[in-house]
ModelCIF file with pLDDT and N, C-alpha, C, O atoms, coordinates in Angstrom:
data_MODEL
#
_entry.id   MODEL 
#
_entity.id                         1 
_entity.type                       polymer 
_entity.pdbx_number_of_molecules   1 
#
_entity_poly.entity_id                      1 
_entity_poly.type                           'polypeptide(L)' 
_entity_poly.nstd_linkage                   no 
_entity_poly.nstd_monomer                   no 
_entity_poly.pdbx_seq_one_letter_code       WLGVIHEIRWYAMLESEPKKYSGHNPLAIL 
_entity_poly.pdbx_seq_one_letter_code_can   WLGVIHEIRWYAMLESEPKKYSGHNPLAIL 
_entity_poly.pdbx_strand_id                 A 
#
loop_
_entity_poly_seq.entity_id 
_entity_poly_seq.num 
_entity_poly_seq.mon_id 
_entity_poly_seq.hetero 
1 1  TRP n 
1 2  LEU n 
1 3  GLY n 
1 4  VAL n 
1 5  ILE n 
1 6  HIS n 
1 7  GLU n 
1 8  ILE n 
1 9  ARG n 
1 10 TRP n 
1 11 TYR n 
1 12 ALA n 
1 13 MET n 
1 14 LEU n 
1 15 GLU n 
1 16 SER n 
1 17 GLU n 
1 18 PRO n 
1 19 LYS n 
1 20 LYS n 
1 21 TYR n 
1 22 SER n 
1 23 GLY n 
1 24 HIS n 
1 25 ASN n 
1 26 PRO n 
1 27 LEU n 
1 28 ALA n 
1 29 ILE n 
1 30 LEU n 
#
_struct_asym.id          A 
_struct_asym.entity_id   1 
#
loop_
_ma_qa_metric.id 
_ma_qa_metric.mode 
_ma_qa_metric.name 
_ma_qa_metric.software_group_id 
_ma_qa_metric.type 
1 global pLDDT . pLDDT 
2 local  pLDDT . pLDDT 
#
_ma_qa_metric_global.metric_id      1 
_ma_qa_metric_global.metric_value   90.77 
_ma_qa_metric_global.model_id       1 
_ma_qa_metric_global.ordinal_id     1 
#
loop_
_ma_qa_metric_local.label_asym_id 
_ma_qa_metric_local.label_comp_id 
_ma_qa_metric_local.label_seq_id 
_ma_qa_metric_local.metric_id 
_ma_qa_metric_local.metric_value 
_ma_qa_metric_local.model_id 
_ma_qa_metric_local.ordinal_id 
A TRP 1  2 95.00 1 1  
A LEU 2  2 94.00 1 2  
A GLY 3  2 93.00 1 3  
A VAL 4  2 95.00 1 4  
A ILE 5  2 95.00 1 5  
A HIS 6  2 94.00 1 6  
A GLU 7  2 93.00 1 7  
A ILE 8  2 94.00 1 8  
A ARG 9  2 94.00 1 9  
A TRP 10 2 93.00 1 10 
A TYR 11 2 91.00 1 11 
A ALA 12 2 90.00 1 12 
A MET 13 2 90.00 1 13 
A LEU 14 2 91.00 1 14 
A GLU 15 2 89.00 1 15 
A SER 16 2 85.00 1 16 
A GLU 17 2 85.00 1 17 
A PRO 18 2 84.00 1 18 
A LYS 19 2 86.00 1 19 
A LYS 20 2 84.00 1 20 
A TYR 21 2 86.00 1 21 
A SER 22 2 85.00 1 22 
A GLY 23 2 85.00 1 23 
A HIS 24 2 90.00 1 24 
A ASN 25 2 91.00 1 25 
A PRO 26 2 94.00 1 26 
A LEU 27 2 94.00 1 27 
A ALA 28 2 93.00 1 28 
A ILE 29 2 95.00 1 29 
A LEU 30 2 95.00 1 30 
#
loop_
_atom_site.group_PDB 
_atom_site.id 
_atom_site.type_symbol 
_atom_site.label_atom_id 
_atom_site.label_alt_id 
_atom_site.label_comp_id 
_atom_site.label_asym_id 
_atom_site.label_entity_id 
_atom_site.label_seq_id 
_atom_site.pdbx_PDB_ins_code 
_atom_site.Cartn_x 
_atom_site.Cartn_y 
_atom_site.Cartn_z 
_atom_site.occupancy 
_atom_site.B_iso_or_equiv 
_atom_site.pdbx_formal_charge 
_atom_site.auth_seq_id 
_atom_site.auth_comp_id 
_atom_site.auth_asym_id 
_atom_site.auth_atom_id 
_atom_site.pdbx_PDB_model_num 
ATOM 1   N N  . TRP A 1 1  ? 81.379 61.473 -82.216 1.00 95.00 ? 1  TRP A N  1 
ATOM 2   C CA . TRP A 1 1  ? 80.638 60.169 -81.984 1.00 95.00 ? 1  TRP A CA 1 
ATOM 3   C C  . TRP A 1 1  ? 81.358 59.213 -81.138 1.00 95.00 ? 1  TRP A C  1 
ATOM 4   O O  . TRP A 1 1  ? 80.753 58.402 -80.436 1.00 95.00 ? 1  TRP A O  1 
ATOM 5   N N  . LEU A 1 2  ? 82.672 59.291 -81.191 1.00 94.00 ? 2  LEU A N  1 
ATOM 6   C CA . LEU A 1 2  ? 83.454 58.480 -80.200 1.00 94.00 ? 2  LEU A CA 1 
ATOM 7   C C  . LEU A 1 2  ? 83.154 58.949 -78.730 1.00 94.00 ? 2  LEU A C  1 
ATOM 8   O O  . LEU A 1 2  ? 83.043 58.119 -77.828 1.00 94.00 ? 2  LEU A O  1 
ATOM 9   N N  . GLY A 1 3  ? 83.048 60.075 -78.547 1.00 93.00 ? 3  GLY A N  1 
ATOM 10  C CA . GLY A 1 3  ? 82.517 60.721 -77.276 1.00 93.00 ? 3  GLY A CA 1 
ATOM 11  C C  . GLY A 1 3  ? 81.274 60.197 -76.789 1.00 93.00 ? 3  GLY A C  1 
ATOM 12  O O  . GLY A 1 3  ? 81.101 59.780 -75.643 1.00 93.00 ? 3  GLY A O  1 
ATOM 13  N N  . VAL A 1 4  ? 80.269 60.239 -77.858 1.00 95.00 ? 4  VAL A N  1 
ATOM 14  C CA . VAL A 1 4  ? 78.849 59.732 -77.535 1.00 95.00 ? 4  VAL A CA 1 
ATOM 15  C C  . VAL A 1 4  ? 78.960 58.233 -77.055 1.00 95.00 ? 4  VAL A C  1 
ATOM 16  O O  . VAL A 1 4  ? 78.306 57.817 -76.098 1.00 95.00 ? 4  VAL A O  1 
ATOM 17  N N  . ILE A 1 5  ? 79.769 57.505 -77.729 1.00 95.00 ? 5  ILE A N  1 
ATOM 18  C CA . ILE A 1 5  ? 79.820 55.974 -77.455 1.00 95.00 ? 5  ILE A CA 1 
ATOM 19  C C  . ILE A 1 5  ? 80.499 55.817 -76.125 1.00 95.00 ? 5  ILE A C  1 
ATOM 20  O O  . ILE A 1 5  ? 80.117 54.903 -75.393 1.00 95.00 ? 5  ILE A O  1 
ATOM 21  N N  . HIS A 1 6  ? 81.459 56.608 -75.739 1.00 94.00 ? 6  HIS A N  1 
ATOM 22  C CA . HIS A 1 6  ? 82.100 56.507 -74.488 1.00 94.00 ? 6  HIS A CA 1 
ATOM 23  C C  . HIS A 1 6  ? 81.224 56.882 -73.385 1.00 94.00 ? 6  HIS A C  1 
ATOM 24  O O  . HIS A 1 6  ? 81.253 56.231 -72.341 1.00 94.00 ? 6  HIS A O  1 
ATOM 25  N N  . GLU A 1 7  ? 80.311 58.055 -73.562 1.00 93.00 ? 7  GLU A N  1 
ATOM 26  C CA . GLU A 1 7  ? 79.346 58.438 -72.486 1.00 93.00 ? 7  GLU A CA 1 
ATOM 27  C C  . GLU A 1 7  ? 78.326 57.451 -72.328 1.00 93.00 ? 7  GLU A C  1 
ATOM 28  O O  . GLU A 1 7  ? 77.841 57.298 -71.207 1.00 93.00 ? 7  GLU A O  1 
ATOM 29  N N  . ILE A 1 8  ? 77.889 56.684 -73.391 1.00 94.00 ? 8  ILE A N  1 
ATOM 30  C CA . ILE A 1 8  ? 76.937 55.678 -73.248 1.00 94.00 ? 8  ILE A CA 1 
ATOM 31  C C  . ILE A 1 8  ? 77.477 54.569 -72.409 1.00 94.00 ? 8  ILE A C  1 
ATOM 32  O O  . ILE A 1 8  ? 76.782 54.086 -71.516 1.00 94.00 ? 8  ILE A O  1 
ATOM 33  N N  . ARG A 1 9  ? 78.794 54.105 -72.677 1.00 94.00 ? 9  ARG A N  1 
ATOM 34  C CA . ARG A 1 9  ? 79.386 53.095 -71.983 1.00 94.00 ? 9  ARG A CA 1 
ATOM 35  C C  . ARG A 1 9  ? 79.563 53.618 -70.458 1.00 94.00 ? 9  ARG A C  1 
ATOM 36  O O  . ARG A 1 9  ? 79.358 52.836 -69.529 1.00 94.00 ? 9  ARG A O  1 
ATOM 37  N N  . TRP A 1 10 ? 79.897 54.782 -70.256 1.00 93.00 ? 10 TRP A N  1 
ATOM 38  C CA . TRP A 1 10 ? 80.067 55.347 -68.937 1.00 93.00 ? 10 TRP A CA 1 
ATOM 39  C C  . TRP A 1 10 ? 78.723 55.346 -68.195 1.00 93.00 ? 10 TRP A C  1 
ATOM 40  O O  . TRP A 1 10 ? 78.760 54.984 -67.019 1.00 93.00 ? 10 TRP A O  1 
ATOM 41  N N  . TYR A 1 11 ? 77.637 55.673 -68.680 1.00 91.00 ? 11 TYR A N  1 
ATOM 42  C CA . TYR A 1 11 ? 76.350 55.590 -68.046 1.00 91.00 ? 11 TYR A CA 1 
ATOM 43  C C  . TYR A 1 11 ? 75.900 54.120 -67.863 1.00 91.00 ? 11 TYR A C  1 
ATOM 44  O O  . TYR A 1 11 ? 75.058 53.795 -67.025 1.00 91.00 ? 11 TYR A O  1 
ATOM 45  N N  . ALA A 1 12 ? 76.491 53.285 -68.670 1.00 90.00 ? 12 ALA A N  1 
ATOM 46  C CA . ALA A 1 12 ? 76.056 51.748 -68.576 1.00 90.00 ? 12 ALA A CA 1 
ATOM 47  C C  . ALA A 1 12 ? 77.069 50.998 -67.558 1.00 90.00 ? 12 ALA A C  1 
ATOM 48  O O  . ALA A 1 12 ? 77.043 49.779 -67.389 1.00 90.00 ? 12 ALA A O  1 
ATOM 49  N N  . MET A 1 13 ? 78.002 51.912 -66.873 1.00 90.00 ? 13 MET A N  1 
ATOM 50  C CA . MET A 1 13 ? 78.926 51.291 -66.027 1.00 90.00 ? 13 MET A CA 1 
ATOM 51  C C  . MET A 1 13 ? 80.001 50.433 -66.609 1.00 90.00 ? 13 MET A C  1 
ATOM 52  O O  . MET A 1 13 ? 80.602 49.581 -65.955 1.00 90.00 ? 13 MET A O  1 
ATOM 53  N N  . LEU A 1 14 ? 80.224 50.708 -67.925 1.00 91.00 ? 14 LEU A N  1 
ATOM 54  C CA . LEU A 1 14 ? 81.106 49.803 -68.631 1.00 91.00 ? 14 LEU A CA 1 
ATOM 55  C C  . LEU A 1 14 ? 82.518 50.431 -68.781 1.00 91.00 ? 14 LEU A C  1 
ATOM 56  O O  . LEU A 1 14 ? 83.467 49.801 -69.247 1.00 91.00 ? 14 LEU A O  1 
ATOM 57  N N  . GLU A 1 15 ? 82.592 51.776 -68.336 1.00 89.00 ? 15 GLU A N  1 
ATOM 58  C CA . GLU A 1 15 ? 83.891 52.469 -68.329 1.00 89.00 ? 15 GLU A CA 1 
ATOM 59  C C  . GLU A 1 15 ? 84.204 52.815 -66.811 1.00 89.00 ? 15 GLU A C  1 
ATOM 60  O O  . GLU A 1 15 ? 83.356 53.118 -65.972 1.00 89.00 ? 15 GLU A O  1 
ATOM 61  N N  . SER A 1 16 ? 85.536 52.719 -66.614 1.00 85.00 ? 16 SER A N  1 
ATOM 62  C CA . SER A 1 16 ? 85.986 52.950 -65.190 1.00 85.00 ? 16 SER A CA 1 
ATOM 63  C C  . SER A 1 16 ? 86.187 54.428 -64.871 1.00 85.00 ? 16 SER A C  1 
ATOM 64  O O  . SER A 1 16 ? 86.097 54.864 -63.723 1.00 85.00 ? 16 SER A O  1 
ATOM 65  N N  . GLU A 1 17 ? 86.477 55.213 -65.987 1.00 85.00 ? 17 GLU A N  1 
ATOM 66  C CA . GLU A 1 17 ? 86.730 56.653 -65.695 1.00 85.00 ? 17 GLU A CA 1 
ATOM 67  C C  . GLU A 1 17 ? 85.982 57.464 -66.689 1.00 85.00 ? 17 GLU A C  1 
ATOM 68  O O  . GLU A 1 17 ? 85.824 57.068 -67.844 1.00 85.00 ? 17 GLU A O  1 
ATOM 69  N N  . PRO A 1 18 ? 85.498 58.646 -66.232 1.00 84.00 ? 18 PRO A N  1 
ATOM 70  C CA . PRO A 1 18 ? 84.711 59.465 -67.155 1.00 84.00 ? 18 PRO A CA 1 
ATOM 71  C C  . PRO A 1 18 ? 85.582 60.410 -67.760 1.00 84.00 ? 18 PRO A C  1 
ATOM 72  O O  . PRO A 1 18 ? 86.625 60.696 -67.174 1.00 84.00 ? 18 PRO A O  1 
ATOM 73  N N  . LYS A 1 19 ? 85.276 60.990 -68.960 1.00 86.00 ? 19 LYS A N  1 
ATOM 74  C CA . LYS A 1 19 ? 85.895 62.037 -69.630 1.00 86.00 ? 19 LYS A CA 1 
ATOM 75  C C  . LYS A 1 19 ? 85.296 63.262 -69.251 1.00 86.00 ? 19 LYS A C  1 
ATOM 76  O O  . LYS A 1 19 ? 84.066 63.309 -69.235 1.00 86.00 ? 19 LYS A O  1 
ATOM 77  N N  . LYS A 1 20 ? 85.993 64.315 -68.928 1.00 84.00 ? 20 LYS A N  1 
ATOM 78  C CA . LYS A 1 20 ? 85.596 65.565 -68.500 1.00 84.00 ? 20 LYS A CA 1 
ATOM 79  C C  . LYS A 1 20 ? 85.548 66.640 -69.505 1.00 84.00 ? 20 LYS A C  1 
ATOM 80  O O  . LYS A 1 20 ? 86.559 66.856 -70.173 1.00 84.00 ? 20 LYS A O  1 
ATOM 81  N N  . TYR A 1 21 ? 84.476 67.341 -69.684 1.00 86.00 ? 21 TYR A N  1 
ATOM 82  C CA . TYR A 1 21 ? 84.303 68.379 -70.763 1.00 86.00 ? 21 TYR A CA 1 
ATOM 83  C C  . TYR A 1 21 ? 84.086 69.766 -70.000 1.00 86.00 ? 21 TYR A C  1 
ATOM 84  O O  . TYR A 1 21 ? 83.493 69.829 -68.923 1.00 86.00 ? 21 TYR A O  1 
ATOM 85  N N  . SER A 1 22 ? 84.573 70.766 -70.599 1.00 85.00 ? 22 SER A N  1 
ATOM 86  C CA . SER A 1 22 ? 84.309 72.112 -69.960 1.00 85.00 ? 22 SER A CA 1 
ATOM 87  C C  . SER A 1 22 ? 82.847 72.477 -70.186 1.00 85.00 ? 22 SER A C  1 
ATOM 88  O O  . SER A 1 22 ? 82.233 73.146 -69.355 1.00 85.00 ? 22 SER A O  1 
ATOM 89  N N  . GLY A 1 23 ? 82.277 72.021 -71.346 1.00 85.00 ? 23 GLY A N  1 
ATOM 90  C CA . GLY A 1 23 ? 80.868 72.232 -71.459 1.00 85.00 ? 23 GLY A CA 1 
ATOM 91  C C  . GLY A 1 23 ? 80.062 71.005 -71.459 1.00 85.00 ? 23 GLY A C  1 
ATOM 92  O O  . GLY A 1 23 ? 80.382 70.147 -70.636 1.00 85.00 ? 23 GLY A O  1 
ATOM 93  N N  . HIS A 1 24 ? 79.084 70.778 -72.233 1.00 90.00 ? 24 HIS A N  1 
ATOM 94  C CA . HIS A 1 24 ? 78.251 69.634 -72.224 1.00 90.00 ? 24 HIS A CA 1 
ATOM 95  C C  . HIS A 1 24 ? 79.041 68.351 -72.872 1.00 90.00 ? 24 HIS A C  1 
ATOM 96  O O  . HIS A 1 24 ? 79.799 68.579 -73.815 1.00 90.00 ? 24 HIS A O  1 
ATOM 97  N N  . ASN A 1 25 ? 78.903 67.168 -72.452 1.00 91.00 ? 25 ASN A N  1 
ATOM 98  C CA . ASN A 1 25 ? 79.525 66.037 -73.012 1.00 91.00 ? 25 ASN A CA 1 
ATOM 99  C C  . ASN A 1 25 ? 78.818 65.748 -74.254 1.00 91.00 ? 25 ASN A C  1 
ATOM 100 O O  . ASN A 1 25 ? 77.712 66.252 -74.450 1.00 91.00 ? 25 ASN A O  1 
ATOM 101 N N  . PRO A 1 26 ? 79.422 64.898 -75.198 1.00 94.00 ? 26 PRO A N  1 
ATOM 102 C CA . PRO A 1 26 ? 78.814 64.718 -76.518 1.00 94.00 ? 26 PRO A CA 1 
ATOM 103 C C  . PRO A 1 26 ? 77.318 64.066 -76.406 1.00 94.00 ? 26 PRO A C  1 
ATOM 104 O O  . PRO A 1 26 ? 76.405 64.442 -77.141 1.00 94.00 ? 26 PRO A O  1 
ATOM 105 N N  . LEU A 1 27 ? 77.173 63.133 -75.492 1.00 94.00 ? 27 LEU A N  1 
ATOM 106 C CA . LEU A 1 27 ? 75.863 62.532 -75.426 1.00 94.00 ? 27 LEU A CA 1 
ATOM 107 C C  . LEU A 1 27 ? 74.793 63.513 -74.827 1.00 94.00 ? 27 LEU A C  1 
ATOM 108 O O  . LEU A 1 27 ? 73.613 63.430 -75.169 1.00 94.00 ? 27 LEU A O  1 
ATOM 109 N N  . ALA A 1 28 ? 75.216 64.396 -73.971 1.00 93.00 ? 28 ALA A N  1 
ATOM 110 C CA . ALA A 1 28 ? 74.241 65.453 -73.582 1.00 93.00 ? 28 ALA A CA 1 
ATOM 111 C C  . ALA A 1 28 ? 73.930 66.431 -74.684 1.00 93.00 ? 28 ALA A C  1 
ATOM 112 O O  . ALA A 1 28 ? 72.811 66.906 -74.875 1.00 93.00 ? 28 ALA A O  1 
ATOM 113 N N  . ILE A 1 29 ? 74.998 66.693 -75.387 1.00 95.00 ? 29 ILE A N  1 
ATOM 114 C CA . ILE A 1 29 ? 74.614 67.596 -76.662 1.00 95.00 ? 29 ILE A CA 1 
ATOM 115 C C  . ILE A 1 29 ? 73.706 67.039 -77.530 1.00 95.00 ? 29 ILE A C  1 
ATOM 116 O O  . ILE A 1 29 ? 72.736 67.678 -77.939 1.00 95.00 ? 29 ILE A O  1 
ATOM 117 N N  . LEU A 1 30 ? 73.977 65.696 -77.903 1.00 95.00 ? 30 LEU A N  1 
ATOM 118 C CA . LEU A 1 30 ? 73.057 65.025 -78.899 1.00 95.00 ? 30 LEU A CA 1 
ATOM 119 C C  . LEU A 1 30 ? 71.546 64.887 -78.399 1.00 95.00 ? 30 LEU A C  1 
ATOM 120 O O  . LEU A 1 30 ? 70.702 64.358 -79.123 1.00 95.00 ? 30 LEU A O  1 
#
């Protein structure tokens, strides 16, 4: 869920750096 929140902030341009996942990111999975 922390990953979901981070991805939402990333897509909203509120995070400066993305987290990289070998598979789907948490927001994509959800």
